[in-house]
């Protein structure tokens, strides 16, 4: 796919060209980005659907958090393991989409536990 063509997914979301979508992902990511891309392809080799997901995840993450470390802090705090530095270090290599998925899972679990606890009272 050339850099100027539009796929049906990109057209439906009115994002523009793939180059514009890549630029939008990079600006949205800001300090949350961990560079783990191939030097040859970079984001050009990533599908439009995945770029749209990345843009959405980075937008949500940048609303709540300022940095990659802040996302990690939120995960370990939600799990009640804020003082466990080795556990915290475990998440440093994770990309933000994976961290956000983990945070959502932890928050859902905590919400269910709280609902179950209040229902049993």
N, C-alpha and C. Protein backbone atom coordinates (compact mmCIF):
# COMPACT_ATOMS: atom_id res chain seq x y z
N UNK A 1 0.86 -1.17 0.00
CA UNK A 1 0.00 0.00 0.00
C UNK A 1 0.90 1.22 0.00
N UNK A 2 0.63 2.13 -0.89
CA UNK A 2 1.45 3.33 -0.94
C UNK A 2 1.05 4.30 0.17
N UNK A 3 1.91 5.22 0.47
CA UNK A 3 1.69 6.15 1.57
C UNK A 3 0.53 7.10 1.35
N UNK A 4 0.08 7.29 0.12
CA UNK A 4 -0.98 8.25 -0.16
C UNK A 4 -2.35 7.62 -0.37
N UNK A 5 -2.42 6.30 -0.45
CA UNK A 5 -3.71 5.68 -0.70
C UNK A 5 -4.53 5.59 0.58
N UNK A 6 -5.82 5.46 0.38
CA UNK A 6 -6.73 5.36 1.52
C UNK A 6 -7.40 4.01 1.50
N UNK A 7 -7.44 3.35 2.62
CA UNK A 7 -8.16 2.09 2.72
C UNK A 7 -9.59 2.40 3.12
N UNK A 8 -10.49 1.44 2.99
CA UNK A 8 -11.87 1.67 3.41
C UNK A 8 -12.00 2.06 4.88
N UNK A 9 -11.14 1.49 5.75
CA UNK A 9 -11.21 1.80 7.18
C UNK A 9 -10.84 3.26 7.41
N UNK A 10 -9.77 3.72 6.76
CA UNK A 10 -9.33 5.10 6.94
C UNK A 10 -10.35 6.06 6.35
N UNK A 11 -10.94 5.70 5.22
CA UNK A 11 -11.96 6.55 4.61
C UNK A 11 -13.18 6.67 5.52
N UNK A 12 -13.59 5.55 6.11
CA UNK A 12 -14.78 5.55 6.96
C UNK A 12 -14.60 6.43 8.19
N UNK A 13 -13.40 6.50 8.71
CA UNK A 13 -13.14 7.30 9.90
C UNK A 13 -12.71 8.72 9.57
N UNK A 14 -12.61 9.03 8.29
CA UNK A 14 -12.26 10.37 7.81
C UNK A 14 -10.95 10.87 8.42
N UNK A 15 -9.93 10.01 8.36
CA UNK A 15 -8.63 10.35 8.90
C UNK A 15 -7.75 11.00 7.84
N UNK A 16 -7.88 10.56 6.61
CA UNK A 16 -7.03 11.06 5.54
C UNK A 16 -6.12 9.96 5.04
N UNK A 17 -4.93 10.33 4.64
CA UNK A 17 -3.99 9.35 4.12
C UNK A 17 -3.31 8.60 5.25
N UNK A 18 -2.60 7.55 4.86
CA UNK A 18 -1.88 6.77 5.86
C UNK A 18 -0.79 7.62 6.51
N UNK A 19 -0.15 8.47 5.73
CA UNK A 19 0.89 9.35 6.28
C UNK A 19 0.30 10.29 7.34
N UNK A 20 -0.91 10.80 7.09
CA UNK A 20 -1.57 11.66 8.07
C UNK A 20 -1.93 10.89 9.33
N UNK A 21 -2.36 9.64 9.15
CA UNK A 21 -2.70 8.79 10.30
C UNK A 21 -1.46 8.49 11.12
N UNK A 22 -0.34 8.20 10.47
CA UNK A 22 0.91 7.94 11.17
C UNK A 22 1.34 9.17 11.96
N UNK A 23 1.23 10.33 11.35
CA UNK A 23 1.59 11.57 12.04
C UNK A 23 0.69 11.81 13.25
N UNK A 24 -0.59 11.48 13.10
CA UNK A 24 -1.54 11.66 14.20
C UNK A 24 -1.21 10.72 15.36
N UNK A 25 -0.84 9.47 15.04
CA UNK A 25 -0.46 8.51 16.08
C UNK A 25 0.77 9.01 16.82
N UNK A 26 1.76 9.50 16.09
CA UNK A 26 3.00 9.97 16.72
C UNK A 26 2.75 11.19 17.62
N UNK A 27 1.90 12.10 17.18
CA UNK A 27 1.64 13.28 18.01
C UNK A 27 0.80 12.93 19.23
N UNK A 28 -0.13 12.01 19.07
CA UNK A 28 -0.98 11.59 20.19
C UNK A 28 -0.16 10.83 21.23
N UNK A 29 0.80 10.03 20.77
CA UNK A 29 1.59 9.19 21.68
C UNK A 29 2.43 10.02 22.64
N UNK A 30 3.09 11.05 22.15
CA UNK A 30 3.90 11.92 23.00
C UNK A 30 4.90 11.16 23.86
N UNK A 31 4.85 11.35 25.18
CA UNK A 31 5.78 10.72 26.11
C UNK A 31 5.41 9.27 26.43
N UNK A 32 4.31 8.80 25.90
CA UNK A 32 3.89 7.43 26.17
C UNK A 32 4.58 6.42 25.25
N UNK A 33 5.18 6.91 24.19
CA UNK A 33 5.73 6.05 23.15
C UNK A 33 7.02 5.36 23.60
N UNK A 34 7.12 4.05 23.29
CA UNK A 34 8.36 3.29 23.44
C UNK A 34 8.73 2.85 22.03
N UNK A 35 9.90 3.21 21.58
CA UNK A 35 10.29 2.91 20.20
C UNK A 35 10.72 1.45 20.09
N UNK A 36 9.86 0.63 19.52
CA UNK A 36 10.16 -0.78 19.32
C UNK A 36 9.88 -1.17 17.88
N UNK A 37 10.06 -0.24 16.97
CA UNK A 37 9.74 -0.48 15.57
C UNK A 37 10.98 -0.90 14.79
N UNK A 38 10.73 -1.57 13.68
CA UNK A 38 11.78 -1.94 12.76
C UNK A 38 12.33 -0.67 12.11
N UNK A 39 13.64 -0.61 11.97
CA UNK A 39 14.25 0.57 11.33
C UNK A 39 13.88 0.66 9.85
N UNK A 40 13.63 -0.49 9.23
CA UNK A 40 13.33 -0.50 7.80
C UNK A 40 11.92 0.02 7.51
N UNK A 41 10.93 -0.47 8.22
CA UNK A 41 9.55 -0.13 7.90
C UNK A 41 8.95 0.94 8.79
N UNK A 42 9.24 0.90 10.06
CA UNK A 42 8.63 1.84 10.99
C UNK A 42 7.12 1.64 11.02
N UNK A 43 6.37 2.71 11.12
CA UNK A 43 4.92 2.62 11.16
C UNK A 43 4.30 2.44 9.77
N UNK A 44 5.11 2.58 8.70
CA UNK A 44 4.58 2.37 7.35
C UNK A 44 4.14 0.94 7.13
N UNK A 45 4.74 0.00 7.83
CA UNK A 45 4.40 -1.40 7.67
C UNK A 45 3.24 -1.86 8.53
N UNK A 46 2.70 -0.97 9.34
CA UNK A 46 1.59 -1.30 10.23
C UNK A 46 0.28 -1.06 9.49
N UNK A 47 -0.69 -1.95 9.69
CA UNK A 47 -1.96 -1.81 9.00
C UNK A 47 -2.73 -0.59 9.50
N UNK A 48 -3.62 -0.10 8.64
CA UNK A 48 -4.42 1.07 9.00
C UNK A 48 -5.31 0.78 10.20
N UNK A 49 -5.85 -0.42 10.27
CA UNK A 49 -6.72 -0.79 11.39
C UNK A 49 -5.95 -0.73 12.71
N UNK A 50 -4.72 -1.23 12.69
CA UNK A 50 -3.90 -1.20 13.90
C UNK A 50 -3.50 0.23 14.25
N UNK A 51 -3.22 1.05 13.23
CA UNK A 51 -2.90 2.45 13.49
C UNK A 51 -4.07 3.18 14.12
N UNK A 52 -5.29 2.88 13.67
CA UNK A 52 -6.48 3.50 14.26
C UNK A 52 -6.63 3.08 15.72
N UNK A 53 -6.36 1.81 16.01
CA UNK A 53 -6.43 1.33 17.39
C UNK A 53 -5.36 2.01 18.24
N UNK A 54 -4.14 2.10 17.71
CA UNK A 54 -3.07 2.77 18.44
C UNK A 54 -3.43 4.21 18.75
N UNK A 55 -3.99 4.89 17.78
CA UNK A 55 -4.36 6.29 17.98
C UNK A 55 -5.41 6.40 19.08
N UNK A 56 -6.39 5.50 19.09
CA UNK A 56 -7.44 5.53 20.10
C UNK A 56 -6.87 5.22 21.49
N UNK A 57 -5.99 4.23 21.58
CA UNK A 57 -5.40 3.85 22.87
C UNK A 57 -4.52 4.97 23.40
N UNK A 58 -3.70 5.56 22.53
CA UNK A 58 -2.83 6.65 22.97
C UNK A 58 -3.63 7.87 23.37
N UNK A 59 -4.74 8.13 22.69
CA UNK A 59 -5.58 9.27 23.06
C UNK A 59 -6.17 9.06 24.46
N UNK A 60 -6.66 7.85 24.71
CA UNK A 60 -7.24 7.54 26.02
C UNK A 60 -6.17 7.59 27.11
N UNK A 61 -5.00 7.05 26.80
CA UNK A 61 -3.91 7.03 27.79
C UNK A 61 -3.40 8.43 28.07
N UNK A 62 -3.30 9.27 27.05
CA UNK A 62 -2.77 10.61 27.27
C UNK A 62 -3.76 11.49 28.03
N UNK A 63 -5.05 11.16 27.99
CA UNK A 63 -6.03 11.89 28.79
C UNK A 63 -5.84 11.61 30.28
N UNK A 64 -5.54 10.36 30.61
CA UNK A 64 -5.43 9.95 32.01
C UNK A 64 -4.02 10.07 32.57
N UNK A 65 -3.01 9.86 31.73
CA UNK A 65 -1.63 9.75 32.21
C UNK A 65 -0.71 10.64 31.38
N UNK A 66 0.37 11.05 32.00
CA UNK A 66 1.34 11.91 31.32
C UNK A 66 2.51 11.13 30.74
N UNK A 67 2.79 9.94 31.28
CA UNK A 67 3.96 9.19 30.82
C UNK A 67 3.72 7.69 30.93
N UNK A 68 4.65 6.95 30.37
CA UNK A 68 4.62 5.49 30.41
C UNK A 68 4.70 5.02 31.87
N UNK A 69 5.55 5.67 32.66
CA UNK A 69 5.73 5.30 34.07
C UNK A 69 4.44 5.53 34.87
N UNK A 70 3.67 6.54 34.51
CA UNK A 70 2.42 6.81 35.22
C UNK A 70 1.40 5.70 34.99
N UNK A 71 1.40 5.12 33.80
CA UNK A 71 0.49 4.00 33.52
C UNK A 71 0.89 2.81 34.38
N UNK A 72 2.19 2.55 34.46
CA UNK A 72 2.69 1.45 35.29
C UNK A 72 2.34 1.67 36.75
N UNK A 73 2.51 2.88 37.23
CA UNK A 73 2.16 3.20 38.62
C UNK A 73 0.68 2.95 38.89
N UNK A 74 -0.17 3.27 37.93
CA UNK A 74 -1.61 3.05 38.10
C UNK A 74 -1.93 1.56 38.18
N UNK A 75 -1.23 0.76 37.38
CA UNK A 75 -1.48 -0.69 37.40
C UNK A 75 -1.08 -1.29 38.74
N UNK A 76 0.14 -1.00 39.19
CA UNK A 76 0.60 -1.60 40.45
C UNK A 76 -0.19 -1.07 41.64
N UNK A 77 -0.65 0.17 41.57
CA UNK A 77 -1.48 0.71 42.66
C UNK A 77 -2.84 0.02 42.68
N UNK A 78 -3.41 -0.22 41.52
CA UNK A 78 -4.71 -0.88 41.44
C UNK A 78 -4.63 -2.32 41.92
N UNK A 79 -3.48 -2.93 41.73
CA UNK A 79 -3.28 -4.31 42.19
C UNK A 79 -2.82 -4.38 43.63
N UNK A 80 -2.55 -3.23 44.25
CA UNK A 80 -2.11 -3.20 45.64
C UNK A 80 -0.66 -3.63 45.81
N UNK A 81 0.16 -3.45 44.78
CA UNK A 81 1.55 -3.87 44.84
C UNK A 81 2.49 -2.70 44.54
N UNK A 82 2.14 -1.51 44.99
CA UNK A 82 2.92 -0.31 44.68
C UNK A 82 4.34 -0.35 45.24
N UNK A 83 4.54 -1.08 46.32
CA UNK A 83 5.87 -1.12 46.94
C UNK A 83 6.77 -2.20 46.34
N UNK A 84 6.23 -3.07 45.51
CA UNK A 84 6.97 -4.17 44.91
C UNK A 84 7.71 -3.66 43.67
N UNK A 85 8.96 -3.25 43.83
CA UNK A 85 9.73 -2.64 42.75
C UNK A 85 10.06 -3.62 41.63
N UNK A 86 10.30 -4.88 41.96
CA UNK A 86 10.59 -5.87 40.92
C UNK A 86 9.36 -6.10 40.05
N UNK A 87 8.20 -6.13 40.65
CA UNK A 87 6.96 -6.29 39.89
C UNK A 87 6.73 -5.07 38.99
N UNK A 88 7.03 -3.91 39.51
CA UNK A 88 6.88 -2.68 38.74
C UNK A 88 7.84 -2.66 37.55
N UNK A 89 9.05 -3.12 37.78
CA UNK A 89 10.06 -3.16 36.72
C UNK A 89 9.65 -4.11 35.59
N UNK A 90 8.90 -5.14 35.95
CA UNK A 90 8.41 -6.12 34.98
C UNK A 90 7.63 -5.46 33.85
N UNK A 91 6.92 -4.39 34.14
CA UNK A 91 6.06 -3.73 33.15
C UNK A 91 6.78 -2.71 32.28
N UNK A 92 8.03 -2.38 32.58
CA UNK A 92 8.72 -1.32 31.86
C UNK A 92 8.92 -1.62 30.38
N UNK A 93 9.04 -2.87 30.00
CA UNK A 93 9.25 -3.22 28.60
C UNK A 93 7.93 -3.32 27.82
N UNK A 94 6.80 -3.27 28.52
CA UNK A 94 5.51 -3.39 27.85
C UNK A 94 5.16 -2.11 27.11
N UNK A 95 4.54 -2.26 25.97
CA UNK A 95 4.05 -1.11 25.21
C UNK A 95 2.76 -0.59 25.85
N UNK A 96 2.44 0.65 25.58
CA UNK A 96 1.27 1.30 26.19
C UNK A 96 -0.05 0.58 25.87
N UNK A 97 -0.29 0.10 24.64
CA UNK A 97 -1.55 -0.62 24.43
C UNK A 97 -1.70 -1.85 25.34
N UNK A 98 -0.61 -2.57 25.53
CA UNK A 98 -0.65 -3.74 26.41
C UNK A 98 -0.86 -3.32 27.86
N UNK A 99 -0.20 -2.23 28.27
CA UNK A 99 -0.39 -1.72 29.63
C UNK A 99 -1.83 -1.25 29.85
N UNK A 100 -2.40 -0.58 28.88
CA UNK A 100 -3.78 -0.10 29.02
C UNK A 100 -4.76 -1.27 29.08
N UNK A 101 -4.50 -2.33 28.31
CA UNK A 101 -5.34 -3.53 28.40
C UNK A 101 -5.25 -4.14 29.79
N UNK A 102 -4.05 -4.20 30.35
CA UNK A 102 -3.87 -4.75 31.70
C UNK A 102 -4.57 -3.87 32.74
N UNK A 103 -4.43 -2.55 32.61
CA UNK A 103 -5.08 -1.63 33.54
C UNK A 103 -6.60 -1.78 33.48
N UNK A 104 -7.15 -1.89 32.29
CA UNK A 104 -8.60 -2.08 32.15
C UNK A 104 -9.05 -3.37 32.82
N UNK A 105 -8.27 -4.44 32.65
CA UNK A 105 -8.61 -5.72 33.28
C UNK A 105 -8.56 -5.62 34.80
N UNK A 106 -7.53 -4.97 35.32
CA UNK A 106 -7.38 -4.83 36.78
C UNK A 106 -8.52 -3.98 37.35
N UNK A 107 -8.87 -2.91 36.65
CA UNK A 107 -9.96 -2.05 37.11
C UNK A 107 -11.30 -2.77 37.06
N UNK A 108 -11.54 -3.58 36.03
CA UNK A 108 -12.78 -4.36 35.96
C UNK A 108 -12.86 -5.35 37.11
N UNK A 109 -11.74 -6.01 37.39
CA UNK A 109 -11.71 -6.98 38.49
C UNK A 109 -11.99 -6.31 39.82
N UNK A 110 -11.39 -5.16 40.04
CA UNK A 110 -11.61 -4.42 41.29
C UNK A 110 -13.06 -3.96 41.40
N UNK A 111 -13.63 -3.55 40.29
CA UNK A 111 -15.02 -3.09 40.28
C UNK A 111 -15.98 -4.25 40.62
N UNK A 112 -15.70 -5.42 40.03
CA UNK A 112 -16.53 -6.60 40.32
C UNK A 112 -16.41 -7.01 41.78
N UNK A 113 -15.18 -6.97 42.31
CA UNK A 113 -14.96 -7.34 43.71
C UNK A 113 -15.68 -6.39 44.65
N UNK A 114 -15.66 -5.09 44.31
CA UNK A 114 -16.34 -4.11 45.14
C UNK A 114 -17.88 -4.31 45.06
N UNK A 115 -18.38 -4.62 43.89
CA UNK A 115 -19.81 -4.85 43.73
C UNK A 115 -20.24 -6.12 44.50
N UNK A 116 -19.40 -7.13 44.44
CA UNK A 116 -19.71 -8.38 45.14
C UNK A 116 -19.67 -8.16 46.65
N UNK A 117 -18.71 -7.36 47.10
CA UNK A 117 -18.58 -7.08 48.53
C UNK A 117 -19.76 -6.28 49.04
N UNK A 118 -20.20 -5.29 48.26
CA UNK A 118 -21.35 -4.47 48.69
C UNK A 118 -22.66 -5.25 48.61
N UNK A 119 -22.74 -6.21 47.70
CA UNK A 119 -23.95 -7.02 47.57
C UNK A 119 -24.06 -8.01 48.74
N UNK A 120 -22.92 -8.42 49.28
CA UNK A 120 -22.96 -9.39 50.38
C UNK A 120 -23.25 -8.74 51.73
N UNK A 121 -23.17 -7.42 51.80
CA UNK A 121 -23.41 -6.73 53.07
C UNK A 121 -24.85 -6.62 53.39
